[in-house]
Amino acid sequence: MREYESKLKSEEMDFLFKAMMTLETLEDYYRFFEDICTINEIKAIAQRLQVAKMLKEKRTYIDIADATGASTATISRVNRCLLYGSDGYNRVFERLEALEEKNKTENEK
């Protein structure tokens, strides 16, 4: 497998992502994102993630649009990313699923 080459790669982006890696709690994330993004930017990112989740669940575009308020253009763009993108959504969903399984196992003990 060849190494991933981002179109965004720069020192500034490295600095941003390294800064994000220092965040430890949900409160840290809320504080950081409220400072660095507008409310609409944060909501747009959250909406795209919900769209991706619903696409993975095989929901229809109409159902997703009704539930999230996302345009069909946004839904289509997210779908293209899921199918042909950098695999970012899929990596996050796999990790969230693993975390959920781990928490479920720990709660059963």
PDB file of N, CA and C in Angstrom:
ATOM      1  N   MET A   1       0.841  -1.177   0.000  1.00  0.00           N
ATOM      2  CA  MET A   1       0.000   0.000   0.000  1.00  0.00           C
ATOM      3  C   MET A   1       0.891   1.246   0.000  1.00  0.00           C
ATOM      4  N   ARG A   2       0.580   2.189  -0.889  1.00  0.00           N
ATOM      5  CA  ARG A   2       1.407   3.386  -0.936  1.00  0.00           C
ATOM      6  C   ARG A   2       1.005   4.383   0.144  1.00  0.00           C
ATOM      7  N   GLU A   3       1.939   5.201   0.536  1.00  0.00           N
ATOM      8  CA  GLU A   3       1.707   6.185   1.577  1.00  0.00           C
ATOM      9  C   GLU A   3       0.726   7.244   1.098  1.00  0.00           C
ATOM     10  N   TYR A   4      -0.122   7.697   1.990  1.00  0.00           N
ATOM     11  CA  TYR A   4      -1.136   8.698   1.669  1.00  0.00           C
ATOM     12  C   TYR A   4      -0.491  10.068   1.502  1.00  0.00           C
ATOM     13  N   GLU A   5      -0.846  10.749   0.437  1.00  0.00           N
ATOM     14  CA  GLU A   5      -0.373  12.114   0.156  1.00  0.00           C
ATOM     15  C   GLU A   5      -1.560  13.063   0.177  1.00  0.00           C
ATOM     16  N   SER A   6      -1.648  13.924   1.165  1.00  0.00           N
ATOM     17  CA  SER A   6      -2.751  14.874   1.266  1.00  0.00           C
ATOM     18  C   SER A   6      -2.533  16.073   0.357  1.00  0.00           C
ATOM     19  N   LYS A   7      -3.617  16.554  -0.227  1.00  0.00           N
ATOM     20  CA  LYS A   7      -3.577  17.784  -1.022  1.00  0.00           C
ATOM     21  C   LYS A   7      -3.453  19.002  -0.113  1.00  0.00           C
ATOM     22  N   LEU A   8      -3.747  18.820   1.157  1.00  0.00           N
ATOM     23  CA  LEU A   8      -3.725  19.923   2.117  1.00  0.00           C
ATOM     24  C   LEU A   8      -2.384  20.092   2.834  1.00  0.00           C
ATOM     25  N   LYS A   9      -1.489  19.161   2.659  1.00  0.00           N
ATOM     26  CA  LYS A   9      -0.236  19.105   3.427  1.00  0.00           C
ATOM     27  C   LYS A   9       0.507  20.428   3.402  1.00  0.00           C
ATOM     28  N   SER A  10       0.758  20.954   4.594  1.00  0.00           N
ATOM     29  CA  SER A  10       1.558  22.173   4.760  1.00  0.00           C
ATOM     30  C   SER A  10       1.961  22.265   6.233  1.00  0.00           C
ATOM     31  N   GLU A  11       2.886  23.141   6.518  1.00  0.00           N
ATOM     32  CA  GLU A  11       3.292  23.342   7.914  1.00  0.00           C
ATOM     33  C   GLU A  11       2.132  23.861   8.743  1.00  0.00           C
ATOM     34  N   GLU A  12       1.327  24.740   8.148  1.00  0.00           N
ATOM     35  CA  GLU A  12       0.185  25.306   8.864  1.00  0.00           C
ATOM     36  C   GLU A  12      -0.841  24.228   9.216  1.00  0.00           C
ATOM     37  N   MET A  13      -1.093  23.328   8.261  1.00  0.00           N
ATOM     38  CA  MET A  13      -2.049  22.251   8.527  1.00  0.00           C
ATOM     39  C   MET A  13      -1.489  21.279   9.555  1.00  0.00           C
ATOM     40  N   ASP A  14      -0.203  20.970   9.482  1.00  0.00           N
ATOM     41  CA  ASP A  14       0.427  20.120  10.495  1.00  0.00           C
ATOM     42  C   ASP A  14       0.247  20.742  11.880  1.00  0.00           C
ATOM     43  N   PHE A  15       0.451  22.047  11.982  1.00  0.00           N
ATOM     44  CA  PHE A  15       0.315  22.747  13.257  1.00  0.00           C
ATOM     45  C   PHE A  15      -1.122  22.648  13.773  1.00  0.00           C
ATOM     46  N   LEU A  16      -2.094  22.844  12.876  1.00  0.00           N
ATOM     47  CA  LEU A  16      -3.503  22.737  13.270  1.00  0.00           C
ATOM     48  C   LEU A  16      -3.814  21.335  13.781  1.00  0.00           C
ATOM     49  N   PHE A  17      -3.425  20.318  13.025  1.00  0.00           N
ATOM     50  CA  PHE A  17      -3.760  18.954  13.415  1.00  0.00           C
ATOM     51  C   PHE A  17      -3.015  18.527  14.673  1.00  0.00           C
ATOM     52  N   LYS A  18      -1.778  18.971  14.833  1.00  0.00           N
ATOM     53  CA  LYS A  18      -1.048  18.665  16.073  1.00  0.00           C
ATOM     54  C   LYS A  18      -1.716  19.355  17.258  1.00  0.00           C
ATOM     55  N   ALA A  19      -2.211  20.573  17.047  1.00  0.00           N
ATOM     56  CA  ALA A  19      -2.946  21.270  18.111  1.00  0.00           C
ATOM     57  C   ALA A  19      -4.185  20.471  18.497  1.00  0.00           C
ATOM     58  N   MET A  20      -4.891  19.957  17.497  1.00  0.00           N
ATOM     59  CA  MET A  20      -6.093  19.165  17.777  1.00  0.00           C
ATOM     60  C   MET A  20      -5.750  17.879  18.525  1.00  0.00           C
ATOM     61  N   MET A  21      -4.601  17.319  18.257  1.00  0.00           N
ATOM     62  CA  MET A  21      -4.188  16.088  18.930  1.00  0.00           C
ATOM     63  C   MET A  21      -3.946  16.309  20.428  1.00  0.00           C
ATOM     64  N   THR A  22      -3.797  17.559  20.856  1.00  0.00           N
ATOM     65  CA  THR A  22      -3.599  17.835  22.278  1.00  0.00           C
ATOM     66  C   THR A  22      -4.914  17.868  23.051  1.00  0.00           C
ATOM     67  N   LEU A  23      -6.026  17.926  22.347  1.00  0.00           N
ATOM     68  CA  LEU A  23      -7.325  17.986  23.009  1.00  0.00           C
ATOM     69  C   LEU A  23      -7.634  16.639  23.642  1.00  0.00           C
ATOM     70  N   GLU A  24      -8.097  16.673  24.883  1.00  0.00           N
ATOM     71  CA  GLU A  24      -8.292  15.425  25.618  1.00  0.00           C
ATOM     72  C   GLU A  24      -9.736  15.130  25.983  1.00  0.00           C
ATOM     73  N   THR A  25     -10.548  16.143  26.182  1.00  0.00           N
ATOM     74  CA  THR A  25     -11.917  15.925  26.645  1.00  0.00           C
ATOM     75  C   THR A  25     -12.902  16.582  25.681  1.00  0.00           C
ATOM     76  N   LEU A  26     -14.170  16.193  25.799  1.00  0.00           N
ATOM     77  CA  LEU A  26     -15.192  16.849  24.990  1.00  0.00           C
ATOM     78  C   LEU A  26     -15.206  18.350  25.262  1.00  0.00           C
ATOM     79  N   GLU A  27     -15.027  18.727  26.526  1.00  0.00           N
ATOM     80  CA  GLU A  27     -14.992  20.159  26.853  1.00  0.00           C
ATOM     81  C   GLU A  27     -13.856  20.850  26.117  1.00  0.00           C
ATOM     82  N   ASP A  28     -12.670  20.215  26.036  1.00  0.00           N
ATOM     83  CA  ASP A  28     -11.550  20.784  25.274  1.00  0.00           C
ATOM     84  C   ASP A  28     -11.955  21.033  23.826  1.00  0.00           C
ATOM     85  N   TYR A  29     -12.626  20.045  23.229  1.00  0.00           N
ATOM     86  CA  TYR A  29     -13.042  20.170  21.829  1.00  0.00           C
ATOM     87  C   TYR A  29     -14.053  21.292  21.651  1.00  0.00           C
ATOM     88  N   TYR A  30     -15.051  21.339  22.523  1.00  0.00           N
ATOM     89  CA  TYR A  30     -16.032  22.422  22.441  1.00  0.00           C
ATOM     90  C   TYR A  30     -15.351  23.780  22.538  1.00  0.00           C
ATOM     91  N   ARG A  31     -14.462  23.944  23.518  1.00  0.00           N
ATOM     92  CA  ARG A  31     -13.790  25.233  23.708  1.00  0.00           C
ATOM     93  C   ARG A  31     -12.944  25.607  22.482  1.00  0.00           C
ATOM     94  N   PHE A  32     -12.172  24.655  21.981  1.00  0.00           N
ATOM     95  CA  PHE A  32     -11.290  24.915  20.849  1.00  0.00           C
ATOM     96  C   PHE A  32     -12.093  25.255  19.599  1.00  0.00           C
ATOM     97  N   PHE A  33     -13.083  24.422  19.288  1.00  0.00           N
ATOM     98  CA  PHE A  33     -13.844  24.652  18.062  1.00  0.00           C
ATOM     99  C   PHE A  33     -14.691  25.915  18.138  1.00  0.00           C
ATOM    100  N   GLU A  34     -15.195  26.259  19.310  1.00  0.00           N
ATOM    101  CA  GLU A  34     -15.940  27.517  19.443  1.00  0.00           C
ATOM    102  C   GLU A  34     -15.033  28.719  19.209  1.00  0.00           C
ATOM    103  N   ASP A  35     -13.762  28.588  19.544  1.00  0.00           N
ATOM    104  CA  ASP A  35     -12.812  29.675  19.308  1.00  0.00           C
ATOM    105  C   ASP A  35     -12.321  29.731  17.868  1.00  0.00           C
ATOM    106  N   ILE A  36     -12.112  28.581  17.249  1.00  0.00           N
ATOM    107  CA  ILE A  36     -11.439  28.548  15.949  1.00  0.00           C
ATOM    108  C   ILE A  36     -12.400  28.589  14.759  1.00  0.00           C
ATOM    109  N   CYS A  37     -13.644  28.190  14.967  1.00  0.00           N
ATOM    110  CA  CYS A  37     -14.630  28.147  13.882  1.00  0.00           C
ATOM    111  C   CYS A  37     -15.850  28.988  14.235  1.00  0.00           C
ATOM    112  N   THR A  38     -16.597  29.366  13.206  1.00  0.00           N
ATOM    113  CA  THR A  38     -17.893  29.976  13.463  1.00  0.00           C
ATOM    114  C   THR A  38     -18.874  28.860  13.823  1.00  0.00           C
ATOM    115  N   ILE A  39     -19.971  29.233  14.441  1.00  0.00           N
ATOM    116  CA  ILE A  39     -21.000  28.252  14.792  1.00  0.00           C
ATOM    117  C   ILE A  39     -21.483  27.542  13.520  1.00  0.00           C
ATOM    118  N   ASN A  40     -21.674  28.302  12.428  1.00  0.00           N
ATOM    119  CA  ASN A  40     -22.142  27.690  11.183  1.00  0.00           C
ATOM    120  C   ASN A  40     -21.132  26.712  10.605  1.00  0.00           C
ATOM    121  N   GLU A  41     -19.839  27.001  10.732  1.00  0.00           N
ATOM    122  CA  GLU A  41     -18.816  26.071  10.243  1.00  0.00           C
ATOM    123  C   GLU A  41     -18.854  24.768  11.029  1.00  0.00           C
ATOM    124  N   ILE A  42     -18.968  24.878  12.337  1.00  0.00           N
ATOM    125  CA  ILE A  42     -19.027  23.684  13.187  1.00  0.00           C
ATOM    126  C   ILE A  42     -20.273  22.872  12.865  1.00  0.00           C
ATOM    127  N   LYS A  43     -21.409  23.550  12.718  1.00  0.00           N
ATOM    128  CA  LYS A  43     -22.653  22.847  12.407  1.00  0.00           C
ATOM    129  C   LYS A  43     -22.580  22.169  11.041  1.00  0.00           C
ATOM    130  N   ALA A  44     -21.921  22.799  10.071  1.00  0.00           N
ATOM    131  CA  ALA A  44     -21.776  22.197   8.737  1.00  0.00           C
ATOM    132  C   ALA A  44     -20.937  20.927   8.809  1.00  0.00           C
ATOM    133  N   ILE A  45     -19.865  20.949   9.593  1.00  0.00           N
ATOM    134  CA  ILE A  45     -19.022  19.762   9.754  1.00  0.00           C
ATOM    135  C   ILE A  45     -19.811  18.654  10.450  1.00  0.00           C
ATOM    136  N   ALA A  46     -20.539  19.006  11.503  1.00  0.00           N
ATOM    137  CA  ALA A  46     -21.341  18.020  12.226  1.00  0.00           C
ATOM    138  C   ALA A  46     -22.414  17.427  11.307  1.00  0.00           C
ATOM    139  N   GLN A  47     -23.015  18.280  10.476  1.00  0.00           N
ATOM    140  CA  GLN A  47     -24.038  17.813   9.546  1.00  0.00           C
ATOM    141  C   GLN A  47     -23.446  16.804   8.556  1.00  0.00           C
ATOM    142  N   ARG A  48     -22.268  17.102   8.015  1.00  0.00           N
ATOM    143  CA  ARG A  48     -21.626  16.177   7.067  1.00  0.00           C
ATOM    144  C   ARG A  48     -21.335  14.832   7.710  1.00  0.00           C
ATOM    145  N   LEU A  49     -20.907  14.859   8.961  1.00  0.00           N
ATOM    146  CA  LEU A  49     -20.631  13.598   9.647  1.00  0.00           C
ATOM    147  C   LEU A  49     -21.921  12.798   9.842  1.00  0.00           C
ATOM    148  N   GLN A  50     -23.021  13.473  10.176  1.00  0.00           N
ATOM    149  CA  GLN A  50     -24.306  12.794  10.310  1.00  0.00           C
ATOM    150  C   GLN A  50     -24.770  12.230   8.971  1.00  0.00           C
ATOM    151  N   VAL A  51     -24.561  12.999   7.902  1.00  0.00           N
ATOM    152  CA  VAL A  51     -24.901  12.530   6.560  1.00  0.00           C
ATOM    153  C   VAL A  51     -24.103  11.266   6.239  1.00  0.00           C
ATOM    154  N   ALA A  52     -22.823  11.280   6.510  1.00  0.00           N
ATOM    155  CA  ALA A  52     -21.978  10.116   6.240  1.00  0.00           C
ATOM    156  C   ALA A  52     -22.459   8.905   7.039  1.00  0.00           C
ATOM    157  N   LYS A  53     -22.787   9.116   8.296  1.00  0.00           N
ATOM    158  CA  LYS A  53     -23.287   8.021   9.144  1.00  0.00           C
ATOM    159  C   LYS A  53     -24.560   7.428   8.553  1.00  0.00           C
ATOM    160  N   MET A  54     -25.460   8.290   8.118  1.00  0.00           N
ATOM    161  CA  MET A  54     -26.728   7.822   7.563  1.00  0.00           C
ATOM    162  C   MET A  54     -26.525   7.133   6.214  1.00  0.00           C
ATOM    163  N   LEU A  55     -25.586   7.616   5.416  1.00  0.00           N
ATOM    164  CA  LEU A  55     -25.264   6.935   4.155  1.00  0.00           C
ATOM    165  C   LEU A  55     -24.711   5.536   4.427  1.00  0.00           C
ATOM    166  N   LYS A  56     -23.856   5.419   5.440  1.00  0.00           N
ATOM    167  CA  LYS A  56     -23.313   4.106   5.810  1.00  0.00           C
ATOM    168  C   LYS A  56     -24.430   3.162   6.263  1.00  0.00           C
ATOM    169  N   GLU A  57     -25.493   3.742   6.834  1.00  0.00           N
ATOM    170  CA  GLU A  57     -26.649   2.950   7.268  1.00  0.00           C
ATOM    171  C   GLU A  57     -27.594   2.648   6.102  1.00  0.00           C
ATOM    172  N   LYS A  58     -27.208   3.064   4.880  1.00  0.00           N
ATOM    173  CA  LYS A  58     -27.984   2.822   3.652  1.00  0.00           C
ATOM    174  C   LYS A  58     -29.316   3.576   3.626  1.00  0.00           C
ATOM    175  N   ARG A  59     -29.361   4.741   4.287  1.00  0.00           N
ATOM    176  CA  ARG A  59     -30.568   5.561   4.248  1.00  0.00           C
ATOM    177  C   ARG A  59     -30.647   6.276   2.901  1.00  0.00           C
ATOM    178  N   THR A  60     -31.832   6.640   2.481  1.00  0.00           N
ATOM    179  CA  THR A  60     -32.009   7.312   1.199  1.00  0.00           C
ATOM    180  C   THR A  60     -31.657   8.793   1.299  1.00  0.00           C
ATOM    181  N   TYR A  61     -31.342   9.397   0.151  1.00  0.00           N
ATOM    182  CA  TYR A  61     -31.033  10.823   0.109  1.00  0.00           C
ATOM    183  C   TYR A  61     -32.195  11.646   0.681  1.00  0.00           C
ATOM    184  N   ILE A  62     -33.421  11.275   0.342  1.00  0.00           N
ATOM    185  CA  ILE A  62     -34.589  12.032   0.812  1.00  0.00           C
ATOM    186  C   ILE A  62     -34.695  11.935   2.327  1.00  0.00           C
ATOM    187  N   ASP A  63     -34.505  10.744   2.856  1.00  0.00           N
ATOM    188  CA  ASP A  63     -34.559  10.528   4.302  1.00  0.00           C
ATOM    189  C   ASP A  63     -33.463  11.347   4.992  1.00  0.00           C
ATOM    190  N   ILE A  64     -32.269  11.318   4.426  1.00  0.00           N
ATOM    191  CA  ILE A  64     -31.136  12.055   5.003  1.00  0.00           C
ATOM    192  C   ILE A  64     -31.394  13.554   4.945  1.00  0.00           C
ATOM    193  N   ALA A  65     -31.868  14.035   3.816  1.00  0.00           N
ATOM    194  CA  ALA A  65     -32.166  15.469   3.664  1.00  0.00           C
ATOM    195  C   ALA A  65     -33.216  15.904   4.684  1.00  0.00           C
ATOM    196  N   ASP A  66     -34.272  15.094   4.840  1.00  0.00           N
ATOM    197  CA  ASP A  66     -35.329  15.414   5.808  1.00  0.00           C
ATOM    198  C   ASP A  66     -34.805  15.437   7.241  1.00  0.00           C
ATOM    199  N   ALA A  67     -33.963  14.458   7.571  1.00  0.00           N
ATOM    200  CA  ALA A  67     -33.468  14.322   8.949  1.00  0.00           C
ATOM    201  C   ALA A  67     -32.406  15.359   9.308  1.00  0.00           C
ATOM    202  N   THR A  68     -31.568  15.733   8.333  1.00  0.00           N
ATOM    203  CA  THR A  68     -30.424  16.602   8.640  1.00  0.00           C
ATOM    204  C   THR A  68     -30.556  18.028   8.121  1.00  0.00           C
ATOM    205  N   GLY A  69     -31.415  18.223   7.139  1.00  0.00           N
ATOM    206  CA  GLY A  69     -31.507  19.532   6.500  1.00  0.00           C
ATOM    207  C   GLY A  69     -30.432  19.748   5.444  1.00  0.00           C
ATOM    208  N   ALA A  70     -29.633  18.733   5.179  1.00  0.00           N
ATOM    209  CA  ALA A  70     -28.563  18.839   4.184  1.00  0.00           C
ATOM    210  C   ALA A  70     -29.159  18.849   2.781  1.00  0.00           C
ATOM    211  N   SER A  71     -28.531  19.583   1.898  1.00  0.00           N
ATOM    212  CA  SER A  71     -28.958  19.592   0.505  1.00  0.00           C
ATOM    213  C   SER A  71     -28.543  18.285  -0.162  1.00  0.00           C
ATOM    214  N   THR A  72     -29.194  17.962  -1.279  1.00  0.00           N
ATOM    215  CA  THR A  72     -28.801  16.754  -1.999  1.00  0.00           C
ATOM    216  C   THR A  72     -27.383  16.900  -2.550  1.00  0.00           C
ATOM    217  N   ALA A  73     -26.957  18.130  -2.836  1.00  0.00           N
ATOM    218  CA  ALA A  73     -25.575  18.348  -3.294  1.00  0.00           C
ATOM    219  C   ALA A  73     -24.584  17.977  -2.192  1.00  0.00           C
ATOM    220  N   THR A  74     -24.873  18.364  -0.956  1.00  0.00           N
ATOM    221  CA  THR A  74     -24.004  18.008   0.173  1.00  0.00           C
ATOM    222  C   THR A  74     -24.008  16.501   0.384  1.00  0.00           C
ATOM    223  N   ILE A  75     -25.175  15.895   0.325  1.00  0.00           N
ATOM    224  CA  ILE A  75     -25.276  14.447   0.512  1.00  0.00           C
ATOM    225  C   ILE A  75     -24.466  13.726  -0.568  1.00  0.00           C
ATOM    226  N   SER A  76     -24.586  14.197  -1.799  1.00  0.00           N
ATOM    227  CA  SER A  76     -23.852  13.597  -2.909  1.00  0.00           C
ATOM    228  C   SER A  76     -22.343  13.747  -2.720  1.00  0.00           C
ATOM    229  N   ARG A  77     -21.911  14.918  -2.276  1.00  0.00           N
ATOM    230  CA  ARG A  77     -20.475  15.154  -2.054  1.00  0.00           C
ATOM    231  C   ARG A  77     -19.944  14.220  -0.961  1.00  0.00           C
ATOM    232  N   VAL A  78     -20.685  14.099   0.130  1.00  0.00           N
ATOM    233  CA  VAL A  78     -20.269  13.209   1.216  1.00  0.00           C
ATOM    234  C   VAL A  78     -20.230  11.763   0.711  1.00  0.00           C
ATOM    235  N   ASN A  79     -21.217  11.381  -0.088  1.00  0.00           N
ATOM    236  CA  ASN A  79     -21.240  10.024  -0.632  1.00  0.00           C
ATOM    237  C   ASN A  79     -20.014   9.768  -1.504  1.00  0.00           C
ATOM    238  N   ARG A  80     -19.634  10.744  -2.330  1.00  0.00           N
ATOM    239  CA  ARG A  80     -18.421  10.591  -3.152  1.00  0.00           C
ATOM    240  C   ARG A  80     -17.192  10.427  -2.268  1.00  0.00           C
ATOM    241  N   CYS A  81     -17.132  11.168  -1.170  1.00  0.00           N
ATOM    242  CA  CYS A  81     -15.995  11.032  -0.249  1.00  0.00           C
ATOM    243  C   CYS A  81     -15.967   9.643   0.372  1.00  0.00           C
ATOM    244  N   LEU A  82     -17.135   9.135   0.739  1.00  0.00           N
ATOM    245  CA  LEU A  82     -17.191   7.789   1.308  1.00  0.00           C
ATOM    246  C   LEU A  82     -16.709   6.742   0.312  1.00  0.00           C
ATOM    247  N   LEU A  83     -17.087   6.920  -0.947  1.00  0.00           N
ATOM    248  CA  LEU A  83     -16.757   5.931  -1.967  1.00  0.00           C
ATOM    249  C   LEU A  83     -15.367   6.104  -2.567  1.00  0.00           C
ATOM    250  N   TYR A  84     -14.960   7.347  -2.799  1.00  0.00           N
ATOM    251  CA  TYR A  84     -13.724   7.602  -3.557  1.00  0.00           C
ATOM    252  C   TYR A  84     -12.754   8.558  -2.869  1.00  0.00           C
ATOM    253  N   GLY A  85     -13.040   8.940  -1.639  1.00  0.00           N
ATOM    254  CA  GLY A  85     -12.229   9.946  -0.953  1.00  0.00           C
ATOM    255  C   GLY A  85     -10.980   9.378  -0.312  1.00  0.00           C
ATOM    256  N   SER A  86     -10.530  10.053   0.700  1.00  0.00           N
ATOM    257  CA  SER A  86      -9.277   9.719   1.385  1.00  0.00           C
ATOM    258  C   SER A  86      -9.457   8.698   2.499  1.00  0.00           C
ATOM    259  N   ASP A  87     -10.665   8.160   2.656  1.00  0.00           N
ATOM    260  CA  ASP A  87     -10.995   7.138   3.648  1.00  0.00           C
ATOM    261  C   ASP A  87     -11.074   7.695   5.069  1.00  0.00           C
ATOM    262  N   GLY A  88     -11.149   9.014   5.195  1.00  0.00           N
ATOM    263  CA  GLY A  88     -11.217   9.635   6.513  1.00  0.00           C
ATOM    264  C   GLY A  88     -12.484   9.277   7.278  1.00  0.00           C
ATOM    265  N   TYR A  89     -13.630   9.385   6.602  1.00  0.00           N
ATOM    266  CA  TYR A  89     -14.887   9.027   7.271  1.00  0.00           C
ATOM    267  C   TYR A  89     -14.852   7.585   7.748  1.00  0.00           C
ATOM    268  N   ASN A  90     -14.452   6.681   6.855  1.00  0.00           N
ATOM    269  CA  ASN A  90     -14.459   5.252   7.206  1.00  0.00           C
ATOM    270  C   ASN A  90     -13.527   4.950   8.370  1.00  0.00           C
ATOM    271  N   ARG A  91     -12.383   5.593   8.406  1.00  0.00           N
ATOM    272  CA  ARG A  91     -11.448   5.366   9.517  1.00  0.00           C
ATOM    273  C   ARG A  91     -12.069   5.815  10.835  1.00  0.00           C
ATOM    274  N   VAL A  92     -12.747   6.955  10.819  1.00  0.00           N
ATOM    275  CA  VAL A  92     -13.388   7.460  12.037  1.00  0.00           C
ATOM    276  C   VAL A  92     -14.512   6.516  12.463  1.00  0.00           C
ATOM    277  N   PHE A  93     -15.336   6.087  11.522  1.00  0.00           N
ATOM    278  CA  PHE A  93     -16.440   5.196  11.879  1.00  0.00           C
ATOM    279  C   PHE A  93     -15.937   3.863  12.426  1.00  0.00           C
ATOM    280  N   GLU A  94     -14.873   3.329  11.855  1.00  0.00           N
ATOM    281  CA  GLU A  94     -14.291   2.081  12.377  1.00  0.00           C
ATOM    282  C   GLU A  94     -13.803   2.279  13.807  1.00  0.00           C
ATOM    283  N   ARG A  95     -13.156   3.388  14.072  1.00  0.00           N
ATOM    284  CA  ARG A  95     -12.628   3.654  15.417  1.00  0.00           C
ATOM    285  C   ARG A  95     -13.750   3.904  16.414  1.00  0.00           C
ATOM    286  N   LEU A  96     -14.804   4.607  15.979  1.00  0.00           N
ATOM    287  CA  LEU A  96     -15.949   4.823  16.867  1.00  0.00           C
ATOM    288  C   LEU A  96     -16.622   3.497  17.210  1.00  0.00           C
ATOM    289  N   GLU A  97     -16.741   2.626  16.224  1.00  0.00           N
ATOM    290  CA  GLU A  97     -17.332   1.309  16.458  1.00  0.00           C
ATOM    291  C   GLU A  97     -16.486   0.500  17.432  1.00  0.00           C
ATOM    292  N   ALA A  98     -15.176   0.534  17.253  1.00  0.00           N
ATOM    293  CA  ALA A  98     -14.276  -0.190  18.165  1.00  0.00           C
ATOM    294  C   ALA A  98     -14.379   0.374  19.583  1.00  0.00           C
ATOM    295  N   LEU A  99     -14.465   1.694  19.696  1.00  0.00           N
ATOM    296  CA  LEU A  99     -14.591   2.334  21.007  1.00  0.00           C
ATOM    297  C   LEU A  99     -15.909   1.939  21.666  1.00  0.00           C
ATOM    298  N   GLU A 100     -16.978   1.901  20.873  1.00  0.00           N
ATOM    299  CA  GLU A 100     -18.283   1.506  21.389  1.00  0.00           C
ATOM    300  C   GLU A 100     -18.257   0.061  21.883  1.00  0.00           C
ATOM    301  N   GLU A 101     -17.617  -0.821  21.131  1.00  0.00           N
ATOM    302  CA  GLU A 101     -17.487  -2.224  21.536  1.00  0.00           C
ATOM    303  C   GLU A 101     -16.681  -2.348  22.824  1.00  0.00           C
ATOM    304  N   LYS A 102     -15.603  -1.596  22.901  1.00  0.00           N
ATOM    305  CA  LYS A 102     -14.749  -1.626  24.101  1.00  0.00           C
ATOM    306  C   LYS A 102     -15.554  -1.165  25.316  1.00  0.00           C
ATOM    307  N   ASN A 103     -16.284  -0.066  25.166  1.00  0.00           N
ATOM    308  CA  ASN A 103     -17.096   0.448  26.277  1.00  0.00           C
ATOM    309  C   ASN A 103     -18.194  -0.537  26.673  1.00  0.00           C
ATOM    310  N   LYS A 104     -18.786  -1.180  25.674  1.00  0.00           N
ATOM    311  CA  LYS A 104     -19.836  -2.163  25.944  1.00  0.00           C
ATOM    312  C   LYS A 104     -19.255  -3.332  26.725  1.00  0.00           C
ATOM    313  N   THR A 105     -18.093  -3.814  26.323  1.00  0.00           N
ATOM    314  CA  THR A 105     -17.434  -4.938  27.000  1.00  0.00           C
ATOM    315  C   THR A 105     -17.078  -4.564  28.447  1.00  0.00           C
ATOM    316  N   GLU A 106     -16.558  -3.356  28.620  1.00  0.00           N
ATOM    317  CA  GLU A 106     -16.185  -2.910  29.973  1.00  0.00           C
ATOM    318  C   GLU A 106     -17.405  -2.756  30.868  1.00  0.00           C
ATOM    319  N   ASN A 107     -18.531  -2.330  30.314  1.00  0.00           N
ATOM    320  CA  ASN A 107     -19.751  -2.159  31.105  1.00  0.00           C
ATOM    321  C   ASN A 107     -20.374  -3.503  31.487  1.00  0.00           C
ATOM    322  N   GLU A 108     -20.083  -4.545  30.730  1.00  0.00           N
ATOM    323  CA  GLU A 108     -20.621  -5.866  31.028  1.00  0.00           C
ATOM    324  C   GLU A 108     -19.852  -6.561  32.146  1.00  0.00           C
ATOM    325  N   LYS A 109     -18.694  -6.050  32.480  1.00  0.00           N
ATOM    326  CA  LYS A 109     -17.865  -6.669  33.529  1.00  0.00           C
ATOM    327  C   LYS A 109     -18.409  -6.377  34.899  1.00  0.00           C
TER     328      LYS A 109
END
